[in-house]
Amino acid sequence: MNIGEWTTRWAQLDPNGPCIQYQDLELTKSAFNKRINRLASGLQHLGVKKGDRVAALMANSNVFLEILFATSKLGIIMVPLNFRLAAAELDYIINDSEPTVLIYSPEFMAVIDELAGKLPSVKTFVCELSGSNPAHLDFESWIADRSDAEPVPDAEVTLDDGQFIMYTSGTTGKPKGAVLTHGNTQWNAINSIHAYPAEKSDIGVCCAPLFHIGALAVSAIPNLYCGAKIIIQRLFDPIGVLKLIEENRATSMFGIPVMFLFMSQMPDFEKTDFSSVKYLLAGGSPCPKPLIDTYLKKGVQFSQGYGMTETAPGITVLMPEEALEKLGSSGKQLFHLAMKIVDLKGNEVSQGETGEILVKGPNVIKEYWRRPEETARNIVDGWLYTGDMGYQDEDRYLYIMDRRKDMYISGGENVYPAEVEDVLMGFPQVADAGVIGIPDEKWGESGMAILVKAPDTNVTEEEIIGMCKQKLAKYKVPKKIAFVDELPRTLTGKILKKELRSRFGQG
């Protein structure tokens, strides 16, 4: 049974059960599956076969998920594209993955126009809504008269086949495509419902962008796997999400912490009824205590976790009742997953000792798209070298320290910038902080902190360094401070250390 057959099975088992709500559109499981089948028929009519790629540059909608399941039924590989990327960045990804079909939302017509003539593999362009380039297909018109019978792929589609290619953020060098198989998705869904059980009666809100692994594989896919209903918001709107939760009696929502922060800052937050919510799923970075406390006052708890694109994405989960007791932890490893922490020589470290996190399991990718050397360097004997440094406490809860590449060595001592950043963020004069290693003639490397001052605050480099000396070992104290208006961050809120090193790396 491949992933595309999930919607087939639900259409048989619960045909009239609710499945998708998007704006004014309501789809039962049977109606959703029929739309998927019509799309699959359209792709076959275009000559798209198993192993070919179909790219999607899209805002959230039912169509995005229809593409995922239609391609899955046929063994075609979907390539979700980050619509926040510049045309030049999309040019690289599209030409690397070589899709034959590109389906896009009209909001991104300008980017499509800019890429015109630069995408030789793309034979067919399809616009999700009408009003696009007249030379491109209109999605609804294209599938309207297609057969809604179950499609027959040109070759058997198994759990070992690629399902979609998701390109990593590219914080170092060019983005690389992680090839997620049907099996990776299947086992991540199983891990998910082990960690936070979902039922057919549940209602999940999908408002984070579906081109991102968190929104797609933590929110949408597990809910569809267990037969729950999902409510899709096209683009994240904190006021709109509050209304969706209250009016639809939603039971869960996935987001990154800053999304939940924006929601809590809305005037309607205090009067919003959250009584139907079982938990909120947070990923990308740890939830700070003030945010947890804000939602606890509304009777809502967070389930947090740690994951990455290459693990489809689950690695650990921190249950809601543990959020305060194990504040800062990423939780315990998921059920169908092995994890260990090793030193630079590959030997397992002792409890409480920091090392690189390695994971192994059926949700771990087998390869990067057309990058055998990178695959061999990052996946050894089935173990994925995550590049993240962390340790486990006496109860086996994982704490992430930093990225391996961000660690620097000062006077022979390892320094993890995240630890220093946590201290800096504890100062009321600091609104945001990023730390990098810079060359030091005496110590080899030393720390430099790039800070955003809190509003209406006047603080000097000397004052910050002096405060750090009260909180940190001498070798961890930044030797230099720079003040900026804003730190560069990825979509999930991670600081782009590459940009900081490029600008400040020589001190």
Protein backbone atom coordinates (compact mmCIF):
# COMPACT_ATOMS: atom_id res chain seq x y z
CA MET A 1 0.00 0.00 0.00
CA ASN A 2 1.58 3.30 -1.07
CA ILE A 3 0.67 6.72 0.31
CA GLY A 4 -1.61 7.53 -2.62
CA GLU A 5 -3.85 4.67 -1.61
CA TRP A 6 -4.64 6.29 1.76
CA THR A 7 -7.34 8.47 0.20
CA THR A 8 -8.67 5.49 -1.75
CA ARG A 9 -9.06 3.49 1.43
CA TRP A 10 -10.73 6.32 3.35
CA ALA A 11 -13.12 6.90 0.44
CA GLN A 12 -14.15 3.25 0.80
CA LEU A 13 -14.33 3.16 4.60
CA ASP A 14 -15.87 6.58 5.34
CA PRO A 15 -17.00 8.11 2.02
CA ASN A 16 -19.24 10.80 3.50
CA GLY A 17 -16.94 11.70 6.38
CA PRO A 18 -15.49 15.25 6.44
CA CYS A 19 -11.99 15.56 5.05
CA ILE A 20 -10.97 19.01 3.78
CA GLN A 21 -12.26 22.51 4.51
CA TYR A 22 -10.70 25.30 2.48
CA GLN A 23 -12.38 28.71 2.45
CA ASP A 24 -15.95 27.97 1.23
CA LEU A 25 -15.08 24.50 -0.06
CA GLU A 26 -15.99 21.41 1.96
CA LEU A 27 -14.82 18.01 0.69
CA THR A 28 -15.83 14.61 1.99
CA LYS A 29 -13.32 11.79 1.82
CA SER A 30 -15.01 10.47 -1.32
CA ALA A 31 -15.07 13.89 -3.04
CA PHE A 32 -11.42 14.54 -2.16
CA ASN A 33 -10.38 11.17 -3.59
CA LYS A 34 -12.34 11.76 -6.81
CA ARG A 35 -10.59 15.10 -7.36
CA ILE A 36 -7.26 13.36 -6.80
CA ASN A 37 -8.13 10.71 -9.36
CA ARG A 38 -9.14 13.31 -11.95
CA LEU A 39 -5.79 15.05 -11.46
CA ALA A 40 -3.96 11.73 -11.78
CA SER A 41 -5.82 11.11 -15.06
CA GLY A 42 -4.76 14.56 -16.28
CA LEU A 43 -1.12 13.86 -15.48
CA GLN A 44 -1.26 10.55 -17.32
CA HIS A 45 -2.80 12.31 -20.32
CA LEU A 46 0.26 14.59 -20.33
CA GLY A 47 2.49 11.52 -20.45
CA VAL A 48 3.91 11.93 -16.94
CA LYS A 49 5.20 8.56 -15.69
CA LYS A 50 6.53 6.94 -12.55
CA GLY A 51 9.75 8.59 -11.43
CA ASP A 52 9.04 11.87 -13.29
CA ARG A 53 8.75 15.03 -11.22
CA VAL A 54 5.92 17.54 -10.82
CA ALA A 55 6.78 20.82 -9.08
CA ALA A 56 4.35 22.99 -7.10
CA LEU A 57 4.90 26.69 -6.37
CA MET A 58 1.79 27.18 -4.33
CA ALA A 59 0.05 28.78 -1.41
CA ASN A 60 -1.84 26.42 0.89
CA SER A 61 -5.01 24.91 -0.60
CA ASN A 62 -6.76 21.63 -1.20
CA VAL A 63 -5.02 21.56 -4.60
CA PHE A 64 -1.58 21.30 -2.99
CA LEU A 65 -2.63 18.11 -1.20
CA GLU A 66 -4.39 16.79 -4.29
CA ILE A 67 -1.10 17.07 -6.16
CA LEU A 68 0.69 15.16 -3.39
CA PHE A 69 -1.76 12.26 -3.42
CA ALA A 70 -2.29 12.14 -7.20
CA THR A 71 1.46 11.95 -7.83
CA SER A 72 1.79 9.37 -5.04
CA LYS A 73 -0.80 7.10 -6.70
CA LEU A 74 1.21 7.15 -9.93
CA GLY A 75 4.71 6.96 -8.46
CA ILE A 76 5.44 10.48 -9.70
CA ILE A 77 7.68 12.55 -7.41
CA MET A 78 6.31 15.88 -6.20
CA VAL A 79 8.69 18.82 -5.66
CA PRO A 80 7.18 21.40 -3.25
CA LEU A 81 8.77 24.81 -3.85
CA ASN A 82 9.30 27.50 -1.24
CA PHE A 83 7.37 30.51 -2.55
CA ARG A 84 9.47 32.84 -0.39
CA LEU A 85 12.57 32.16 -2.47
CA ALA A 86 13.83 34.57 -5.12
CA ALA A 87 13.54 33.62 -8.79
CA ALA A 88 17.26 32.84 -9.00
CA GLU A 89 16.97 30.41 -6.07
CA LEU A 90 13.94 28.71 -7.59
CA ASP A 91 15.77 28.53 -10.91
CA TYR A 92 18.46 26.38 -9.27
CA ILE A 93 16.02 24.02 -7.50
CA ILE A 94 13.74 23.54 -10.50
CA ASN A 95 16.62 22.85 -12.87
CA ASP A 96 18.19 20.49 -10.32
CA SER A 97 15.00 18.43 -9.93
CA GLU A 98 13.93 18.73 -13.60
CA PRO A 99 10.14 18.54 -13.32
CA THR A 100 8.09 18.07 -16.48
CA VAL A 101 5.05 19.89 -15.03
CA LEU A 102 4.96 23.01 -12.83
CA ILE A 103 1.73 23.91 -11.06
CA TYR A 104 1.60 27.37 -9.48
CA SER A 105 -0.68 29.77 -7.63
CA PRO A 106 -1.52 33.07 -9.38
CA GLU A 107 0.11 35.05 -6.55
CA PHE A 108 3.46 33.90 -7.97
CA MET A 109 2.80 34.74 -11.61
CA ALA A 110 5.54 37.40 -11.58
CA VAL A 111 8.13 34.82 -10.54
CA ILE A 112 6.89 32.39 -13.19
CA ASP A 113 7.24 35.16 -15.79
CA GLU A 114 10.77 35.89 -14.57
CA LEU A 115 11.68 32.21 -14.99
CA ALA A 116 10.25 32.02 -18.51
CA GLY A 117 12.68 30.39 -20.93
CA LYS A 118 15.00 29.23 -18.10
CA LEU A 119 13.32 25.91 -17.25
CA PRO A 120 13.94 23.52 -20.17
CA SER A 121 12.56 20.42 -18.42
CA VAL A 122 9.12 21.99 -17.80
CA LYS A 123 6.81 21.10 -20.69
CA THR A 124 3.52 22.11 -19.08
CA PHE A 125 2.58 25.01 -16.79
CA VAL A 126 -0.68 24.84 -14.84
CA CYS A 127 -2.20 27.68 -12.80
CA GLU A 128 -4.23 26.74 -9.72
CA LEU A 129 -6.81 29.49 -10.37
CA SER A 130 -8.03 31.25 -13.48
CA GLY A 131 -6.66 34.52 -14.81
CA SER A 132 -3.10 33.40 -15.51
CA ASN A 133 -1.01 33.29 -18.66
CA PRO A 134 -3.40 32.16 -21.42
CA ALA A 135 -0.72 29.77 -22.70
CA HIS A 136 -0.89 27.87 -19.39
CA LEU A 137 -3.51 25.34 -18.36
CA ASP A 138 -6.20 26.35 -15.88
CA PHE A 139 -6.27 23.69 -13.16
CA GLU A 140 -10.03 23.32 -12.67
CA SER A 141 -10.79 23.34 -16.38
CA TRP A 142 -7.99 20.86 -17.00
CA ILE A 143 -9.28 18.22 -14.56
CA ALA A 144 -13.01 18.90 -14.88
CA ASP A 145 -13.83 16.20 -17.47
CA ARG A 146 -11.21 13.65 -16.42
CA SER A 147 -12.10 10.21 -15.11
CA ASP A 148 -12.52 9.92 -11.36
CA ALA A 149 -11.85 6.16 -11.44
CA GLU A 150 -8.81 4.85 -9.61
CA PRO A 151 -5.77 5.38 -11.86
CA VAL A 152 -3.53 2.51 -12.92
CA PRO A 153 0.16 3.48 -12.69
CA ASP A 154 2.52 2.41 -15.47
CA ALA A 155 4.57 0.48 -12.87
CA GLU A 156 3.97 -0.74 -9.32
CA VAL A 157 4.42 1.95 -6.64
CA THR A 158 5.90 0.69 -3.36
CA LEU A 159 6.98 2.13 -0.04
CA ASP A 160 10.58 2.19 -1.30
CA ASP A 161 9.78 4.61 -4.13
CA GLY A 162 10.39 8.34 -3.88
CA GLN A 163 7.28 10.34 -2.97
CA PHE A 164 8.53 13.92 -2.86
CA ILE A 165 11.78 15.87 -2.92
CA MET A 166 12.03 18.60 -0.33
CA TYR A 167 14.96 20.97 -0.61
CA THR A 168 16.74 21.92 2.58
CA SER A 169 17.10 25.57 3.51
CA GLY A 170 20.61 25.89 2.11
CA THR A 171 22.06 27.77 5.06
CA THR A 172 25.46 26.51 3.84
CA GLY A 173 25.98 26.36 0.09
CA LYS A 174 23.35 25.32 -2.44
CA PRO A 175 20.13 23.64 -1.24
CA LYS A 176 20.08 19.86 -1.56
CA GLY A 177 17.02 17.77 -2.26
CA ALA A 178 16.10 15.21 0.38
CA VAL A 179 14.25 12.35 -1.34
CA LEU A 180 11.39 11.30 0.95
CA THR A 181 10.01 7.85 0.13
CA HIS A 182 6.49 6.57 0.65
CA GLY A 183 7.92 4.49 3.49
CA ASN A 184 9.45 7.53 5.16
CA THR A 185 6.05 9.23 5.15
CA GLN A 186 4.25 6.10 6.34
CA TRP A 187 6.54 5.54 9.32
CA ASN A 188 6.58 9.20 10.28
CA ALA A 189 2.77 9.12 10.39
CA ILE A 190 2.92 6.03 12.62
CA ASN A 191 5.49 7.71 14.87
CA SER A 192 3.29 10.80 15.00
CA ILE A 193 0.14 9.04 16.21
CA HIS A 194 2.26 7.18 18.80
CA ALA A 195 3.45 10.54 20.12
CA TYR A 196 0.20 12.52 19.99
CA PRO A 197 -2.74 10.22 19.28
CA ALA A 198 -5.19 11.47 16.65
CA GLU A 199 -8.68 10.25 15.90
CA LYS A 200 -11.17 10.39 13.03
CA SER A 201 -13.19 12.93 15.02
CA ASP A 202 -10.27 15.37 15.29
CA ILE A 203 -10.00 18.66 13.40
CA GLY A 204 -6.56 20.04 12.59
CA VAL A 205 -5.79 23.58 11.40
CA CYS A 206 -3.11 23.76 8.67
CA CYS A 207 -1.87 27.34 8.42
CA ALA A 208 1.92 27.00 8.20
CA PRO A 209 3.15 26.77 4.57
CA LEU A 210 2.71 23.24 3.24
CA PHE A 211 5.93 23.42 1.22
CA HIS A 212 7.68 23.08 4.59
CA ILE A 213 8.19 19.61 6.10
CA GLY A 214 6.67 20.62 9.45
CA ALA A 215 3.33 21.81 8.11
CA LEU A 216 3.07 18.98 5.59
CA ALA A 217 4.28 15.99 7.60
CA VAL A 218 3.50 17.02 11.18
CA SER A 219 0.12 18.60 10.54
CA ALA A 220 -1.58 17.63 7.27
CA ILE A 221 -0.33 14.10 6.56
CA PRO A 222 -0.83 12.48 10.01
CA ASN A 223 -4.35 13.95 10.24
CA LEU A 224 -5.26 12.60 6.80
CA TYR A 225 -3.72 9.24 7.70
CA CYS A 226 -6.00 8.83 10.72
CA GLY A 227 -9.08 10.11 8.87
CA ALA A 228 -9.36 13.45 10.68
CA LYS A 229 -10.62 16.64 9.07
CA ILE A 230 -8.18 19.40 8.22
CA ILE A 231 -8.95 23.09 7.80
CA ILE A 232 -6.55 24.86 5.44
CA GLN A 233 -5.65 28.54 5.66
CA ARG A 234 -4.10 29.82 2.43
CA LEU A 235 -1.54 32.13 4.05
CA PHE A 236 -0.98 32.48 7.79
CA ASP A 237 -3.17 35.15 9.36
CA PRO A 238 -3.14 35.13 13.18
CA ILE A 239 -6.59 36.74 13.54
CA GLY A 240 -8.05 34.33 11.00
CA VAL A 241 -6.52 31.32 12.76
CA LEU A 242 -8.10 32.30 16.07
CA LYS A 243 -11.47 32.42 14.34
CA LEU A 244 -10.93 29.06 12.63
CA ILE A 245 -10.06 27.40 15.94
CA GLU A 246 -13.10 28.77 17.77
CA GLU A 247 -15.71 28.48 15.02
CA ASN A 248 -14.73 24.94 13.98
CA ARG A 249 -13.92 23.54 17.43
CA ALA A 250 -10.44 22.61 16.20
CA THR A 251 -8.44 20.11 18.24
CA SER A 252 -4.87 20.86 17.08
CA MET A 253 -2.66 23.20 15.08
CA PHE A 254 0.99 23.10 14.02
CA GLY A 255 3.18 26.19 13.92
CA ILE A 256 6.55 27.61 14.80
CA PRO A 257 6.75 29.54 18.11
CA VAL A 258 6.65 32.96 16.46
CA MET A 259 3.27 32.10 14.87
CA PHE A 260 1.82 31.34 18.30
CA LEU A 261 3.40 34.55 19.60
CA PHE A 262 1.66 36.59 16.89
CA MET A 263 -1.66 34.91 17.73
CA SER A 264 -1.24 35.76 21.42
CA GLN A 265 -0.65 39.42 20.54
CA MET A 266 -3.95 39.78 18.70
CA PRO A 267 -6.76 41.71 20.46
CA ASP A 268 -9.10 38.72 20.03
CA PHE A 269 -6.77 36.28 21.76
CA GLU A 270 -8.14 36.76 25.27
CA LYS A 271 -11.73 36.14 24.24
CA THR A 272 -11.01 33.21 21.89
CA ASP A 273 -12.49 29.90 23.04
CA PHE A 274 -9.72 27.26 23.03
CA SER A 275 -11.69 24.64 24.96
CA SER A 276 -11.74 22.21 21.99
CA VAL A 277 -7.95 22.22 21.56
CA LYS A 278 -6.16 19.08 22.78
CA TYR A 279 -2.70 20.52 22.15
CA LEU A 280 -0.75 22.87 19.91
CA LEU A 281 2.18 21.38 18.01
CA ALA A 282 5.29 23.57 17.99
CA GLY A 283 8.49 22.97 16.04
CA GLY A 284 11.44 24.77 14.51
CA SER A 285 12.77 26.05 17.84
CA PRO A 286 11.93 25.60 21.55
CA CYS A 287 8.93 27.43 23.00
CA PRO A 288 10.05 30.04 25.54
CA LYS A 289 8.48 29.81 29.00
CA PRO A 290 6.55 33.10 28.75
CA LEU A 291 4.79 31.80 25.63
CA ILE A 292 3.96 28.48 27.30
CA ASP A 293 2.61 30.37 30.32
CA THR A 294 0.47 32.62 28.11
CA TYR A 295 -1.29 29.65 26.55
CA LEU A 296 -1.52 27.71 29.82
CA LYS A 297 -3.66 30.58 31.14
CA LYS A 298 -6.04 29.75 28.30
CA GLY A 299 -5.96 26.07 29.22
CA VAL A 300 -3.86 25.11 26.18
CA GLN A 301 -0.66 23.06 26.22
CA PHE A 302 2.16 22.67 23.71
CA SER A 303 3.53 19.44 22.32
CA GLN A 304 7.03 20.24 21.10
CA GLY A 305 9.50 18.25 19.07
CA TYR A 306 12.77 18.06 17.21
CA GLY A 307 13.07 16.94 13.63
CA MET A 308 14.52 17.66 10.22
CA THR A 309 13.60 17.25 6.59
CA GLU A 310 15.79 14.15 6.30
CA THR A 311 13.76 12.31 8.96
CA ALA A 312 10.32 13.10 7.49
CA PRO A 313 10.64 14.97 10.01
CA GLY A 314 10.14 13.43 13.48
CA ILE A 315 13.03 12.60 15.82
CA THR A 316 11.87 13.46 19.36
CA VAL A 317 8.72 14.69 21.06
CA LEU A 318 8.20 16.58 24.33
CA MET A 319 4.71 15.89 25.63
CA PRO A 320 2.55 18.80 26.83
CA GLU A 321 2.67 17.80 30.50
CA GLU A 322 6.50 17.87 30.36
CA ALA A 323 6.85 21.32 28.80
CA LEU A 324 7.68 23.17 32.03
CA GLU A 325 9.42 20.37 33.94
CA LYS A 326 11.78 19.79 31.01
CA LEU A 327 11.90 23.36 29.71
CA GLY A 328 14.46 23.64 26.91
CA SER A 329 14.40 19.94 26.12
CA SER A 330 13.34 18.49 22.77
CA GLY A 331 11.91 15.43 24.51
CA LYS A 332 12.45 11.71 23.98
CA GLN A 333 13.02 9.84 20.74
CA LEU A 334 10.01 8.60 18.81
CA PHE A 335 8.93 4.97 19.01
CA HIS A 336 10.19 3.62 15.67
CA LEU A 337 13.58 5.32 15.74
CA ALA A 338 17.07 4.70 17.10
CA MET A 339 19.20 7.61 18.34
CA LYS A 340 22.69 7.93 19.73
CA ILE A 341 25.12 10.72 20.53
CA VAL A 342 28.75 10.40 19.47
CA ASP A 343 32.02 12.31 19.78
CA LEU A 344 34.13 13.50 16.85
CA LYS A 345 35.62 10.00 16.51
CA GLY A 346 32.23 8.33 16.31
CA ASN A 347 32.28 6.85 19.82
CA GLU A 348 29.12 7.10 21.94
CA VAL A 349 29.42 9.68 24.70
CA SER A 350 28.40 9.32 28.33
CA GLN A 351 25.11 10.56 29.73
CA GLY A 352 25.15 14.35 30.02
CA GLU A 353 28.06 14.71 27.60
CA THR A 354 27.57 16.71 24.41
CA GLY A 355 28.14 15.14 21.01
CA GLU A 356 26.63 14.89 17.54
CA ILE A 357 23.12 13.41 17.30
CA LEU A 358 22.78 10.38 15.01
CA VAL A 359 19.46 8.78 14.09
CA LYS A 360 18.44 5.61 12.29
CA GLY A 361 15.02 4.28 11.35
CA PRO A 362 12.44 3.75 8.61
CA ASN A 363 11.64 7.47 8.49
CA VAL A 364 15.25 8.42 7.57
CA ILE A 365 15.89 9.23 3.91
CA LYS A 366 18.11 6.97 1.83
CA GLU A 367 19.59 9.68 -0.37
CA TYR A 368 19.90 13.26 -1.50
CA TRP A 369 18.74 13.88 -5.05
CA ARG A 370 21.64 13.25 -7.43
CA ARG A 371 24.24 13.81 -4.70
CA PRO A 372 25.87 10.43 -4.01
CA GLU A 373 28.93 11.93 -2.30
CA GLU A 374 26.83 14.05 0.05
CA THR A 375 24.61 11.04 0.75
CA ALA A 376 27.64 8.89 1.62
CA ARG A 377 29.06 11.62 3.86
CA ASN A 378 25.84 12.18 5.81
CA ILE A 379 24.31 8.68 5.96
CA VAL A 380 26.65 5.93 7.12
CA ASP A 381 25.39 2.37 7.70
CA GLY A 382 21.88 3.77 7.87
CA TRP A 383 22.82 6.33 10.55
CA LEU A 384 22.04 9.92 9.63
CA TYR A 385 24.60 12.40 10.95
CA THR A 386 22.28 15.27 11.81
CA GLY A 387 24.95 17.93 12.30
CA ASP A 388 23.21 18.89 15.54
CA MET A 389 25.05 18.77 18.84
CA GLY A 390 23.20 17.75 21.99
CA TYR A 391 23.11 15.65 25.14
CA GLN A 392 20.65 13.48 27.06
CA ASP A 393 19.89 13.95 30.75
CA GLU A 394 19.44 11.17 33.30
CA ASP A 395 15.86 10.62 32.09
CA ARG A 396 16.94 10.35 28.41
CA TYR A 397 15.46 13.71 27.44
CA LEU A 398 17.38 15.33 24.60
CA TYR A 399 18.74 18.88 24.77
CA ILE A 400 19.99 20.50 21.57
CA MET A 401 23.09 22.60 22.05
CA ASP A 402 23.88 23.86 18.57
CA ARG A 403 24.74 22.97 15.02
CA ARG A 404 28.10 21.21 14.75
CA LYS A 405 29.27 23.72 12.14
CA ASP A 406 28.39 26.62 14.47
CA MET A 407 30.50 25.31 17.37
CA TYR A 408 33.88 26.98 17.76
CA ILE A 409 36.95 26.11 19.85
CA SER A 410 38.47 28.75 22.10
CA GLY A 411 41.67 27.85 23.91
CA GLY A 412 40.96 24.15 23.37
CA GLU A 413 37.43 24.37 24.81
CA ASN A 414 34.28 23.72 22.78
CA VAL A 415 31.86 26.66 22.79
CA TYR A 416 28.25 26.26 21.68
CA PRO A 417 26.85 29.61 20.53
CA ALA A 418 23.29 28.64 21.49
CA GLU A 419 24.33 28.43 25.15
CA VAL A 420 25.82 31.94 25.00
CA GLU A 421 22.76 33.22 23.11
CA ASP A 422 20.48 31.90 25.85
CA VAL A 423 22.40 33.93 28.42
CA LEU A 424 22.32 37.05 26.27
CA MET A 425 18.59 36.69 25.69
CA GLY A 426 18.14 36.68 29.46
CA PHE A 427 19.32 40.29 29.65
CA PRO A 428 16.43 42.80 29.47
CA GLN A 429 18.57 45.07 27.28
CA VAL A 430 18.74 42.41 24.51
CA ALA A 431 15.86 41.73 22.10
CA ASP A 432 17.70 39.24 19.87
CA ALA A 433 21.12 37.61 19.82
CA GLY A 434 23.37 35.62 17.50
CA VAL A 435 26.88 34.39 18.36
CA ILE A 436 29.65 33.26 15.99
CA GLY A 437 33.29 32.29 16.33
CA ILE A 438 35.92 34.69 14.96
CA PRO A 439 39.72 34.31 14.56
CA ASP A 440 41.74 35.07 17.69
CA GLU A 441 45.56 35.20 17.66
CA LYS A 442 45.84 34.03 21.26
CA TRP A 443 42.99 31.54 21.64
CA GLY A 444 42.51 30.35 18.05
CA GLU A 445 38.89 31.47 18.11
CA SER A 446 36.78 33.63 20.35
CA GLY A 447 33.14 34.63 20.41
CA MET A 448 31.44 37.60 18.83
CA ALA A 449 27.84 38.48 19.68
CA ILE A 450 25.61 40.27 17.19
CA LEU A 451 22.73 41.84 19.12
CA VAL A 452 19.48 43.68 18.62
CA LYS A 453 18.85 46.10 21.46
CA ALA A 454 15.54 46.06 23.27
CA PRO A 455 13.33 49.10 22.49
CA ASP A 456 14.27 52.31 24.28
CA THR A 457 17.44 50.69 25.61
CA ASN A 458 20.90 52.16 25.67
CA VAL A 459 23.61 49.60 26.40
CA THR A 460 27.29 49.43 25.44
CA GLU A 461 29.63 46.66 24.34
CA GLU A 462 31.50 46.89 27.64
CA GLU A 463 28.30 46.56 29.67
CA ILE A 464 27.19 43.45 27.78
CA ILE A 465 30.60 41.80 28.19
CA GLY A 466 30.58 42.67 31.88
CA MET A 467 27.15 41.05 32.37
CA CYS A 468 28.30 37.93 30.50
CA LYS A 469 31.26 37.55 32.87
CA GLN A 470 28.77 37.13 35.71
CA LYS A 471 26.98 34.28 33.92
CA LEU A 472 29.54 32.43 31.79
CA ALA A 473 32.95 30.80 32.04
CA LYS A 474 35.67 33.13 30.83
CA TYR A 475 36.30 31.24 27.57
CA LYS A 476 32.60 31.48 26.65
CA VAL A 477 32.34 35.25 27.12
CA PRO A 478 32.16 37.08 23.75
CA LYS A 479 35.20 39.23 23.11
CA LYS A 480 33.36 41.51 20.71
CA ILE A 481 29.83 42.86 20.40
CA ALA A 482 28.07 44.34 17.37
CA PHE A 483 24.63 45.95 17.37
CA VAL A 484 22.24 45.59 14.42
CA ASP A 485 18.60 46.41 13.72
CA GLU A 486 17.62 42.83 12.82
CA LEU A 487 19.13 39.34 12.61
CA PRO A 488 18.76 37.33 9.40
CA ARG A 489 16.57 34.25 9.95
CA THR A 490 15.22 31.28 8.02
CA LEU A 491 11.53 30.54 7.53
CA THR A 492 11.49 28.47 10.72
CA GLY A 493 13.13 31.21 12.76
CA LYS A 494 16.69 29.88 12.84
CA ILE A 495 19.44 32.50 12.71
CA LEU A 496 21.33 32.45 9.41
CA LYS A 497 24.81 32.07 10.86
CA LYS A 498 26.26 31.89 7.36
CA GLU A 499 25.22 35.50 6.78
CA LEU A 500 26.56 36.59 10.16
CA ARG A 501 29.90 34.89 9.45
CA SER A 502 30.06 36.50 6.03
CA ARG A 503 29.53 39.96 7.50
CA PHE A 504 31.27 39.71 10.88
CA GLY A 505 33.48 36.60 10.57
CA GLN A 506 36.72 38.54 10.73
CA GLY A 507 35.60 40.42 13.81
